C-alpha atoms as a PDB file:
ATOM      1  CA  MET A   1    -202.495  62.419  24.589  1.00  0.00           C
ATOM      2  CA  PRO A   2    -202.033  65.591  26.674  1.00  0.00           C
ATOM      3  CA  GLU A   3    -204.363  68.460  25.879  1.00  0.00           C
ATOM      4  CA  SER A   4    -201.572  71.024  26.076  1.00  0.00           C
ATOM      5  CA  PHE A   5    -200.437  71.793  22.541  1.00  0.00           C
ATOM      6  CA  PRO A   6    -196.780  72.506  23.516  1.00  0.00           C
ATOM      7  CA  ILE A   7    -196.635  69.134  25.245  1.00  0.00           C
ATOM      8  CA  GLY A   8    -198.018  67.552  22.082  1.00  0.00           C
ATOM      9  CA  ILE A   9    -195.232  69.147  20.069  1.00  0.00           C
ATOM     10  CA  ALA A  10    -192.661  67.786  22.536  1.00  0.00           C
ATOM     11  CA  LEU A  11    -194.113  64.300  22.164  1.00  0.00           C
ATOM     12  CA  ALA A  12    -193.960  64.658  18.401  1.00  0.00           C
ATOM     13  CA  ALA A  13    -190.310  65.635  18.608  1.00  0.00           C
ATOM     14  CA  MET A  14    -189.475  62.505  20.582  1.00  0.00           C
ATOM     15  CA  ARG A  15    -191.490  60.120  18.411  1.00  0.00           C
ATOM     16  CA  CYS A  16    -190.968  61.710  15.008  1.00  0.00           C
ATOM     17  CA  LEU A  17    -188.146  64.231  14.661  1.00  0.00           C
ATOM     18  CA  VAL A  18    -185.603  62.370  16.787  1.00  0.00           C
ATOM     19  CA  PRO A  19    -185.829  59.091  14.789  1.00  0.00           C
ATOM     20  CA  ALA A  20    -185.778  61.106  11.578  1.00  0.00           C
ATOM     21  CA  GLY A  21    -182.693  63.016  12.668  1.00  0.00           C
ATOM     22  CA  LEU A  22    -180.909  59.807  13.597  1.00  0.00           C
ATOM     23  CA  ALA A  23    -181.787  58.344  10.215  1.00  0.00           C
ATOM     24  CA  MET A  24    -180.292  61.367   8.480  1.00  0.00           C
ATOM     25  CA  VAL A  25    -177.045  61.064  10.442  1.00  0.00           C
ATOM     26  CA  VAL A  26    -176.726  57.321   9.937  1.00  0.00           C
ATOM     27  CA  LEU A  27    -177.680  57.252   6.262  1.00  0.00           C
ATOM     28  CA  GLY A  28    -175.972  60.487   5.279  1.00  0.00           C
ATOM     29  CA  LEU A  29    -179.019  61.728   3.385  1.00  0.00           C
ATOM     30  CA  SER A  30    -178.206  64.192   0.664  1.00  0.00           C
ATOM     31  CA  GLY A  31    -180.976  63.922  -1.901  1.00  0.00           C
ATOM     32  CA  CYS A  32    -183.010  66.833  -3.146  1.00  0.00           C
ATOM     33  CA  LEU A  33    -185.244  65.252  -5.810  1.00  0.00           C
ATOM     34  CA  TYR A  34    -189.015  65.157  -5.266  1.00  0.00           C
ATOM     35  CA  SER A  35    -190.694  62.125  -3.701  1.00  0.00           C
ATOM     36  CA  THR A  36    -193.501  60.195  -5.404  1.00  0.00           C
ATOM     37  CA  GLN A  37    -194.636  57.798  -2.647  1.00  0.00           C
ATOM     38  CA  HIS A  38    -196.006  60.122   0.033  1.00  0.00           C
ATOM     39  CA  PHE A  39    -199.556  58.622  -0.321  1.00  0.00           C
ATOM     40  CA  ASN A  40    -201.287  61.724   1.084  1.00  0.00           C
ATOM     41  CA  ASN A  41    -205.029  61.110   1.324  1.00  0.00           C
ATOM     42  CA  GLY A  42    -206.506  63.697   3.705  1.00  0.00           C
ATOM     43  CA  LEU A  43    -207.276  61.093   6.398  1.00  0.00           C
ATOM     44  CA  LEU A  44    -205.442  62.422   9.447  1.00  0.00           C
ATOM     45  CA  LEU A  45    -204.636  60.292  12.485  1.00  0.00           C
ATOM     46  CA  PRO A  46    -206.268  60.864  15.883  1.00  0.00           C
ATOM     47  CA  ALA A  47    -204.094  62.532  18.509  1.00  0.00           C
ATOM     48  CA  GLY A  48    -201.443  60.215  19.937  1.00  0.00           C
ATOM     49  CA  GLU A  49    -201.770  57.549  17.221  1.00  0.00           C
ATOM     50  CA  SER A  50    -199.024  56.867  14.704  1.00  0.00           C
ATOM     51  CA  ARG A  51    -198.647  54.994  11.426  1.00  0.00           C
ATOM     52  CA  VAL A  52    -195.801  53.435   9.443  1.00  0.00           C
ATOM     53  CA  THR A  53    -196.160  52.936   5.685  1.00  0.00           C
ATOM     54  CA  LEU A  54    -193.794  51.044   3.382  1.00  0.00           C
ATOM     55  CA  GLY A  55    -193.993  52.008  -0.286  1.00  0.00           C
ATOM     56  CA  GLY A  56    -192.740  50.463  -3.492  1.00  0.00           C
ATOM     57  CA  GLY A  57    -192.674  51.593  -7.104  1.00  0.00           C
ATOM     58  CA  ARG A  58    -190.222  52.636  -9.769  1.00  0.00           C
ATOM     59  CA  GLN A  59    -187.568  55.291 -10.265  1.00  0.00           C
ATOM     60  CA  VAL A  60    -187.221  56.527 -13.835  1.00  0.00           C
ATOM     61  CA  LEU A  61    -183.621  56.848 -15.078  1.00  0.00           C
ATOM     62  CA  TRP A  62    -182.292  58.657 -18.140  1.00  0.00           C
ATOM     63  CA  ARG A  63    -179.001  58.163 -19.938  1.00  0.00           C
ATOM     64  CA  CYS A  64    -177.352  59.143 -23.216  1.00  0.00           C
ATOM     65  CA  ALA A  65    -177.851  56.643 -26.031  1.00  0.00           C
ATOM     66  CA  ASP A  66    -174.282  57.474 -27.093  1.00  0.00           C
ATOM     67  CA  TYR A  67    -171.694  60.143 -26.350  1.00  0.00           C
ATOM     68  CA  GLN A  68    -169.658  62.616 -28.374  1.00  0.00           C
ATOM     69  CA  ASN A  69    -166.193  61.238 -29.012  1.00  0.00           C
ATOM     70  CA  ASP A  70    -164.359  64.501 -28.361  1.00  0.00           C
ATOM     71  CA  SER A  71    -165.338  64.727 -24.663  1.00  0.00           C
ATOM     72  CA  ALA A  72    -162.094  63.820 -22.936  1.00  0.00           C
ATOM     73  CA  THR A  73    -162.795  65.294 -19.520  1.00  0.00           C
ATOM     74  CA  GLY A  74    -165.819  66.080 -17.410  1.00  0.00           C
ATOM     75  CA  ARG A  75    -169.338  64.851 -18.000  1.00  0.00           C
ATOM     76  CA  ARG A  76    -169.847  64.043 -21.657  1.00  0.00           C
ATOM     77  CA  PRO A  77    -172.678  65.666 -23.650  1.00  0.00           C
ATOM     78  CA  CYS A  78    -175.011  63.394 -25.592  1.00  0.00           C
ATOM     79  CA  ASN A  79    -174.864  63.048 -29.358  1.00  0.00           C
ATOM     80  CA  GLN A  80    -177.715  64.660 -31.258  1.00  0.00           C
ATOM     81  CA  ASP A  81    -179.981  63.336 -33.982  1.00  0.00           C
ATOM     82  CA  GLN A  82    -180.673  65.075 -37.301  1.00  0.00           C
ATOM     83  CA  THR A  83    -183.227  67.392 -35.665  1.00  0.00           C
ATOM     84  CA  GLY A  84    -180.757  68.604 -33.046  1.00  0.00           C
ATOM     85  CA  ARG A  85    -182.320  66.659 -30.152  1.00  0.00           C
ATOM     86  CA  GLU A  86    -180.141  64.669 -27.781  1.00  0.00           C
ATOM     87  CA  LYS A  87    -180.220  60.900 -28.161  1.00  0.00           C
ATOM     88  CA  VAL A  88    -181.448  59.687 -24.766  1.00  0.00           C
ATOM     89  CA  GLU A  89    -182.811  56.416 -23.418  1.00  0.00           C
ATOM     90  CA  GLN A  90    -185.128  55.719 -20.479  1.00  0.00           C
ATOM     91  CA  SER A  91    -184.891  52.849 -18.011  1.00  0.00           C
ATOM     92  CA  GLN A  92    -186.227  52.206 -14.520  1.00  0.00           C
ATOM     93  CA  ILE A  93    -185.281  50.579 -11.228  1.00  0.00           C
ATOM     94  CA  PHE A  94    -187.158  49.740  -8.038  1.00  0.00           C
ATOM     95  CA  LYS A  95    -187.662  52.566  -5.548  1.00  0.00           C
ATOM     96  CA  GLY A  96    -188.854  52.169  -1.959  1.00  0.00           C
ATOM     97  CA  SER A  97    -190.003  54.451   0.829  1.00  0.00           C
ATOM     98  CA  LEU A  98    -190.582  54.591   4.579  1.00  0.00           C
ATOM     99  CA  ASP A  99    -193.214  56.991   5.926  1.00  0.00           C
ATOM    100  CA  TYR A 100    -194.033  57.807   9.561  1.00  0.00           C
ATOM    101  CA  ARG A 101    -197.004  59.908  10.727  1.00  0.00           C
ATOM    102  CA  LEU A 102    -198.106  61.051  14.177  1.00  0.00           C
ATOM    103  CA  GLY A 103    -201.445  62.606  15.113  1.00  0.00           C
ATOM    104  CA  LEU A 104    -200.907  65.714  17.243  1.00  0.00           C
ATOM    105  CA  LYS A 105    -204.384  67.106  17.907  1.00  0.00           C
ATOM    106  CA  ASN A 106    -207.957  65.961  17.248  1.00  0.00           C
ATOM    107  CA  GLU A 107    -209.034  69.581  16.961  1.00  0.00           C
ATOM    108  CA  TRP A 108    -206.970  72.753  16.868  1.00  0.00           C
ATOM    109  CA  LYS A 109    -208.408  76.288  16.614  1.00  0.00           C
ATOM    110  CA  GLY A 110    -211.459  75.050  14.735  1.00  0.00           C
ATOM    111  CA  PHE A 111    -209.538  72.717  12.418  1.00  0.00           C
ATOM    112  CA  PRO A 112    -210.429  68.997  12.754  1.00  0.00           C
ATOM    113  CA  GLY A 113    -206.978  67.473  13.107  1.00  0.00           C
ATOM    114  CA  PHE A 114    -203.263  68.181  13.062  1.00  0.00           C
ATOM    115  CA  GLU A 115    -200.598  65.673  11.978  1.00  0.00           C
ATOM    116  CA  MET A 116    -196.812  65.476  11.598  1.00  0.00           C
ATOM    117  CA  GLN A 117    -194.998  63.374   8.993  1.00  0.00           C
ATOM    118  CA  TRP A 118    -191.475  62.366   8.035  1.00  0.00           C
ATOM    119  CA  HIS A 119    -190.725  60.521   4.835  1.00  0.00           C
ATOM    120  CA  LEU A 120    -187.670  58.695   3.450  1.00  0.00           C
ATOM    121  CA  GLU A 121    -187.451  57.640  -0.202  1.00  0.00           C
ATOM    122  CA  ALA A 122    -184.628  56.025  -2.200  1.00  0.00           C
ATOM    123  CA  PRO A 123    -182.978  55.945  -4.621  1.00  0.00           C
ATOM    124  CA  THR A 124    -183.441  59.526  -5.748  1.00  0.00           C
ATOM    125  CA  ASN A 125    -180.294  61.689  -5.630  1.00  0.00           C
ATOM    126  CA  PRO A 126    -179.379  59.382  -3.830  1.00  0.00           C
ATOM    127  CA  LEU A 127    -181.954  59.613  -1.024  1.00  0.00           C
ATOM    128  CA  THR A 128    -184.669  62.100  -0.084  1.00  0.00           C
ATOM    129  CA  MET A 129    -185.918  63.003   3.407  1.00  0.00           C
ATOM    130  CA  GLU A 130    -189.023  65.149   3.917  1.00  0.00           C
ATOM    131  CA  PHE A 131    -190.736  66.692   6.934  1.00  0.00           C
ATOM    132  CA  ALA A 132    -194.346  67.926   6.727  1.00  0.00           C
ATOM    133  CA  LEU A 133    -197.302  69.134   8.776  1.00  0.00           C
ATOM    134  CA  GLN A 134    -200.896  68.337   7.745  1.00  0.00           C
ATOM    135  CA  LEU A 135    -203.824  70.455   8.913  1.00  0.00           C
ATOM    136  CA  GLY A 136    -207.333  69.014   8.634  1.00  0.00           C
ATOM    137  CA  MET A 137    -209.851  71.334   6.982  1.00  0.00           C
ATOM    138  CA  PRO A 138    -213.538  71.804   7.886  1.00  0.00           C
ATOM    139  CA  GLY A 139    -215.988  70.313   5.427  1.00  0.00           C
ATOM    140  CA  PRO A 140    -218.987  68.028   4.891  1.00  0.00           C
ATOM    141  CA  ASP A 141    -219.186  64.789   6.874  1.00  0.00           C
ATOM    142  CA  VAL A 142    -218.781  62.672   3.741  1.00  0.00           C
ATOM    143  CA  LEU A 143    -215.282  64.064   3.043  1.00  0.00           C
ATOM    144  CA  ARG A 144    -211.940  64.383   4.807  1.00  0.00           C
ATOM    145  CA  HIS A 145    -209.422  66.836   3.427  1.00  0.00           C
ATOM    146  CA  ALA A 146    -206.231  68.509   4.583  1.00  0.00           C
ATOM    147  CA  LEU A 147    -203.699  71.164   3.659  1.00  0.00           C
ATOM    148  CA  GLY A 148    -200.013  70.497   4.195  1.00  0.00           C
ATOM    149  CA  ALA A 149    -196.637  72.197   4.012  1.00  0.00           C
ATOM    150  CA  GLY A 150    -193.195  70.679   4.181  1.00  0.00           C
ATOM    151  CA  TRP A 151    -189.476  70.752   3.610  1.00  0.00           C
ATOM    152  CA  GLY A 152    -187.226  68.312   1.744  1.00  0.00           C
ATOM    153  CA  THR A 153    -183.570  68.204   2.762  1.00  0.00           C
ATOM    154  CA  GLY A 154    -180.918  68.822   0.138  1.00  0.00           C
ATOM    155  CA  ALA A 155    -177.165  68.851   0.726  1.00  0.00           C
ATOM    156  CA  TRP A 156    -176.032  69.847  -2.756  1.00  0.00           C
ATOM    157  CA  ALA A 157    -177.035  73.491  -3.168  1.00  0.00           C
ATOM    158  CA  GLY A 158    -180.380  74.102  -1.508  1.00  0.00           C
ATOM    159  CA  ASN A 159    -183.573  72.605  -0.116  1.00  0.00           C
ATOM    160  CA  THR A 160    -187.046  71.797  -1.443  1.00  0.00           C
ATOM    161  CA  PHE A 161    -190.229  73.362  -0.065  1.00  0.00           C
ATOM    162  CA  PHE A 162    -193.756  72.264  -0.912  1.00  0.00           C
ATOM    163  CA  LEU A 163    -197.459  72.884  -0.358  1.00  0.00           C
ATOM    164  CA  GLU A 164    -200.040  70.119  -0.781  1.00  0.00           C
ATOM    165  CA  TYR A 165    -203.714  69.260  -0.590  1.00  0.00           C
ATOM    166  CA  ALA A 166    -205.464  65.894  -0.271  1.00  0.00           C
ATOM    167  CA  VAL A 167    -209.131  64.850  -0.154  1.00  0.00           C
ATOM    168  CA  SER A 168    -210.787  61.484   0.518  1.00  0.00           C
ATOM    169  CA  LEU A 169    -214.172  59.970   1.206  1.00  0.00           C
ATOM    170  CA  ALA A 170    -214.666  59.736   4.961  1.00  0.00           C
ATOM    171  CA  HIS A 171    -216.504  56.410   5.018  1.00  0.00           C
ATOM    172  CA  GLY A 172    -216.573  53.099   3.203  1.00  0.00           C
ATOM    173  CA  ARG A 173    -214.097  50.441   2.222  1.00  0.00           C
ATOM    174  CA  PRO A 174    -212.150  51.322   0.166  1.00  0.00           C
ATOM    175  CA  LYS A 175    -211.811  55.104   0.522  1.00  0.00           C
ATOM    176  CA  PRO A 176    -210.830  56.747  -2.804  1.00  0.00           C
ATOM    177  CA  PHE A 177    -208.647  59.842  -2.606  1.00  0.00           C
ATOM    178  CA  ALA A 178    -206.872  62.468  -4.713  1.00  0.00           C
ATOM    179  CA  ASN A 179    -203.934  64.714  -3.902  1.00  0.00           C
ATOM    180  CA  PHE A 180    -201.912  67.590  -5.353  1.00  0.00           C
ATOM    181  CA  ARG A 181    -198.479  68.973  -4.446  1.00  0.00           C
ATOM    182  CA  LEU A 182    -196.591  72.043  -5.674  1.00  0.00           C
ATOM    183  CA  SER A 183    -192.845  71.977  -4.947  1.00  0.00           C
ATOM    184  CA  TYR A 184    -190.132  74.602  -5.229  1.00  0.00           C
ATOM    185  CA  LEU A 185    -187.480  72.040  -6.091  1.00  0.00           C
ATOM    186  CA  ALA A 186    -183.891  72.504  -4.950  1.00  0.00           C
ATOM    187  CA  THR A 187    -180.997  72.904  -7.367  1.00  0.00           C
ATOM    188  CA  GLN A 188    -180.108  69.451  -8.674  1.00  0.00           C
ATOM    189  CA  ILE A 189    -176.735  67.729  -8.579  1.00  0.00           C
ATOM    190  CA  GLY A 190    -176.491  67.841 -12.386  1.00  0.00           C
ATOM    191  CA  ASP A 191    -176.568  71.630 -12.253  1.00  0.00           C
ATOM    192  CA  VAL A 192    -173.911  71.685  -9.525  1.00  0.00           C
ATOM    193  CA  LEU A 193    -171.465  69.361 -11.316  1.00  0.00           C
ATOM    194  CA  ASP A 194    -171.880  71.370 -14.479  1.00  0.00           C
ATOM    195  CA  GLY A 195    -170.615  74.545 -12.781  1.00  0.00           C
ATOM    196  CA  ASP A 196    -167.245  76.017 -11.886  1.00  0.00           C
ATOM    197  CA  PHE A 197    -166.270  74.870  -8.369  1.00  0.00           C
ATOM    198  CA  SER A 198    -164.057  77.918  -7.944  1.00  0.00           C
ATOM    199  CA  LYS A 199    -167.245  79.996  -7.870  1.00  0.00           C
ATOM    200  CA  PRO A 200    -170.298  79.866  -5.567  1.00  0.00           C
ATOM    201  CA  LEU A 201    -172.606  76.925  -6.194  1.00  0.00           C
ATOM    202  CA  PRO A 202    -175.208  77.616  -8.888  1.00  0.00           C
ATOM    203  CA  TYR A 203    -178.756  78.411  -7.802  1.00  0.00           C
ATOM    204  CA  ASP A 204    -181.322  76.913 -10.160  1.00  0.00           C
ATOM    205  CA  PRO A 205    -184.537  75.908  -8.338  1.00  0.00           C
ATOM    206  CA  ARG A 206    -187.639  75.065 -10.355  1.00  0.00           C
ATOM    207  CA  TRP A 207    -191.364  74.576  -9.849  1.00  0.00           C
ATOM    208  CA  VAL A 208    -192.669  71.006 -10.036  1.00  0.00           C
ATOM    209  CA  ALA A 209    -196.323  69.933  -9.760  1.00  0.00           C
ATOM    210  CA  GLN A 210    -197.565  66.470  -8.757  1.00  0.00           C
ATOM    211  CA  GLY A 211    -200.966  64.852  -8.563  1.00  0.00           C
ATOM    212  CA  GLY A 212    -202.257  61.416  -7.655  1.00  0.00           C
ATOM    213  CA  ILE A 213    -205.352  59.264  -7.288  1.00  0.00           C
ATOM    214  CA  GLY A 214    -205.800  56.015  -5.388  1.00  0.00           C
ATOM    215  CA  PHE A 215    -207.667  54.388  -2.555  1.00  0.00           C
ATOM    216  CA  PHE A 216    -207.051  53.513   1.086  1.00  0.00           C
ATOM    217  CA  TYR A 217    -208.205  49.994   1.964  1.00  0.00           C
ATOM    218  CA  ARG A 218    -208.175  48.731   5.555  1.00  0.00           C
ATOM    219  CA  PHE A 219    -207.935  44.981   6.103  1.00  0.00           C
ATOM    220  CA  PRO A 220    -209.636  43.073   8.920  1.00  0.00           C
ATOM    221  CA  ASP A 221    -207.546  42.724  12.071  1.00  0.00           C
ATOM    222  CA  TRP A 222    -205.369  39.806  10.965  1.00  0.00           C
ATOM    223  CA  THR A 223    -202.176  38.864  12.782  1.00  0.00           C
ATOM    224  CA  LEU A 224    -198.896  39.376  10.892  1.00  0.00           C
ATOM    225  CA  PHE A 225    -200.694  41.128   8.044  1.00  0.00           C
ATOM    226  CA  PRO A 226    -200.619  44.835   7.077  1.00  0.00           C
ATOM    227  CA  ASP A 227    -203.419  46.936   8.514  1.00  0.00           C
ATOM    228  CA  PHE A 228    -203.985  48.644   5.157  1.00  0.00           C
ATOM    229  CA  ILE A 229    -202.839  49.018   1.545  1.00  0.00           C
ATOM    230  CA  ILE A 230    -202.744  52.139  -0.646  1.00  0.00           C
ATOM    231  CA  PRO A 231    -202.578  51.600  -4.452  1.00  0.00           C
ATOM    232  CA  ASN A 232    -201.746  54.888  -6.148  1.00  0.00           C
ATOM    233  CA  LEU A 233    -201.341  56.390  -9.635  1.00  0.00           C
ATOM    234  CA  HIS A 234    -198.983  59.379  -9.425  1.00  0.00           C
ATOM    235  CA  LEU A 235    -198.090  62.051 -12.023  1.00  0.00           C
ATOM    236  CA  THR A 236    -195.210  64.566 -11.969  1.00  0.00           C
ATOM    237  CA  TRP A 237    -194.685  67.500 -14.319  1.00  0.00           C
ATOM    238  CA  PRO A 238    -192.249  68.659 -15.513  1.00  0.00           C
ATOM    239  CA  GLN A 239    -190.083  65.579 -15.022  1.00  0.00           C
ATOM    240  CA  VAL A 240    -186.610  66.101 -13.540  1.00  0.00           C
ATOM    241  CA  PRO A 241    -184.080  63.285 -14.157  1.00  0.00           C
ATOM    242  CA  PRO A 242    -181.982  62.122 -11.185  1.00  0.00           C
ATOM    243  CA  GLY A 243    -178.231  61.720 -11.243  1.00  0.00           C
ATOM    244  CA  GLY A 244    -175.197  63.742 -12.290  1.00  0.00           C
ATOM    245  CA  GLN A 245    -175.798  63.773 -16.049  1.00  0.00           C
ATOM    246  CA  LYS A 246    -177.415  67.000 -17.236  1.00  0.00           C
ATOM    247  CA  PHE A 247    -179.851  66.810 -20.157  1.00  0.00           C
ATOM    248  CA  SER A 248    -181.612  69.457 -22.188  1.00  0.00           C
ATOM    249  CA  ARG A 249    -185.048  69.836 -20.624  1.00  0.00           C
ATOM    250  CA  GLU A 250    -186.793  69.686 -23.993  1.00  0.00           C
ATOM    251  CA  ASP A 251    -185.261  66.250 -24.662  1.00  0.00           C
ATOM    252  CA  ILE A 252    -186.778  64.651 -21.537  1.00  0.00           C
ATOM    253  CA  SER A 253    -190.435  63.623 -21.402  1.00  0.00           C
ATOM    254  CA  PHE A 254    -192.470  66.399 -19.761  1.00  0.00           C
ATOM    255  CA  LEU A 255    -194.719  64.030 -17.778  1.00  0.00           C
ATOM    256  CA  GLN A 256    -193.569  61.292 -15.398  1.00  0.00           C
ATOM    257  CA  TRP A 257    -196.127  58.683 -14.333  1.00  0.00           C
ATOM    258  CA  ASP A 258    -195.777  56.076 -11.605  1.00  0.00           C
ATOM    259  CA  ILE A 259    -197.962  53.239 -10.315  1.00  0.00           C
ATOM    260  CA  GLN A 260    -197.028  52.280  -6.779  1.00  0.00           C
ATOM    261  CA  LEU A 261    -198.277  50.473  -3.715  1.00  0.00           C
ATOM    262  CA  GLY A 262    -198.104  51.351  -0.043  1.00  0.00           C
ATOM    263  CA  MET A 263    -198.810  49.047   2.903  1.00  0.00           C
ATOM    264  CA  GLY A 264    -198.516  49.694   6.580  1.00  0.00           C
ATOM    265  CA  TRP A 265    -199.429  49.389  10.205  1.00  0.00           C
ATOM    266  CA  ASP A 266    -201.025  51.588  12.851  1.00  0.00           C
ATOM    267  CA  ILE A 267    -198.764  51.602  15.918  1.00  0.00           C
END
């Protein structure tokens, strides 16, 4: 890996941003919902090394239990119960992700590591693409932790921006970790479809917090087997339902929880 930082950024662009950009063009990404399978753990890659992680879990879906009969056009509002709350039902489907990370520097201006990430997750609204930078933070030898900042693409009416922190034990097998992310979530498609298209698109971003715990376990060097797995329990609050149907926020569960698994390879 070259010592020149600008050269490192150029290498990152070739190995990270270019494939990500091609993926966006080919797949027509237009999602703006938060991701839940980023598996951030504070363990940054050495300069010049990269990692691919495949994730799997669930996507929570919401729908009206029944509809009002007098809704002839447009999206139909849900019927209400005797307390005035909408009658809604929850279901779930499989959701997968592809994550790519590249170590840029082993040390940069006193910080022990610098890493670039791009992340694809689907289905969300319908797909979500994120770009992020992770900066290793100084600390005791027993811990590894990092601060990150990123951007999630959104083609409906805005983009998502987020800040995050992750911390992990530096040694041992497995390595337990915890993470936290605060997102300024883009306006959702349900808010756009609910508006008047003769007027400018509505602007309704919201703050969403996420936290997770899990562990990073590295396998022995076995052929045709993942290098590592990452089981993870992930929480999101407040929950934002995907899709075009717009629900009253008080009628949707405040907390979303997900149990998911990542596995991957160092390349």
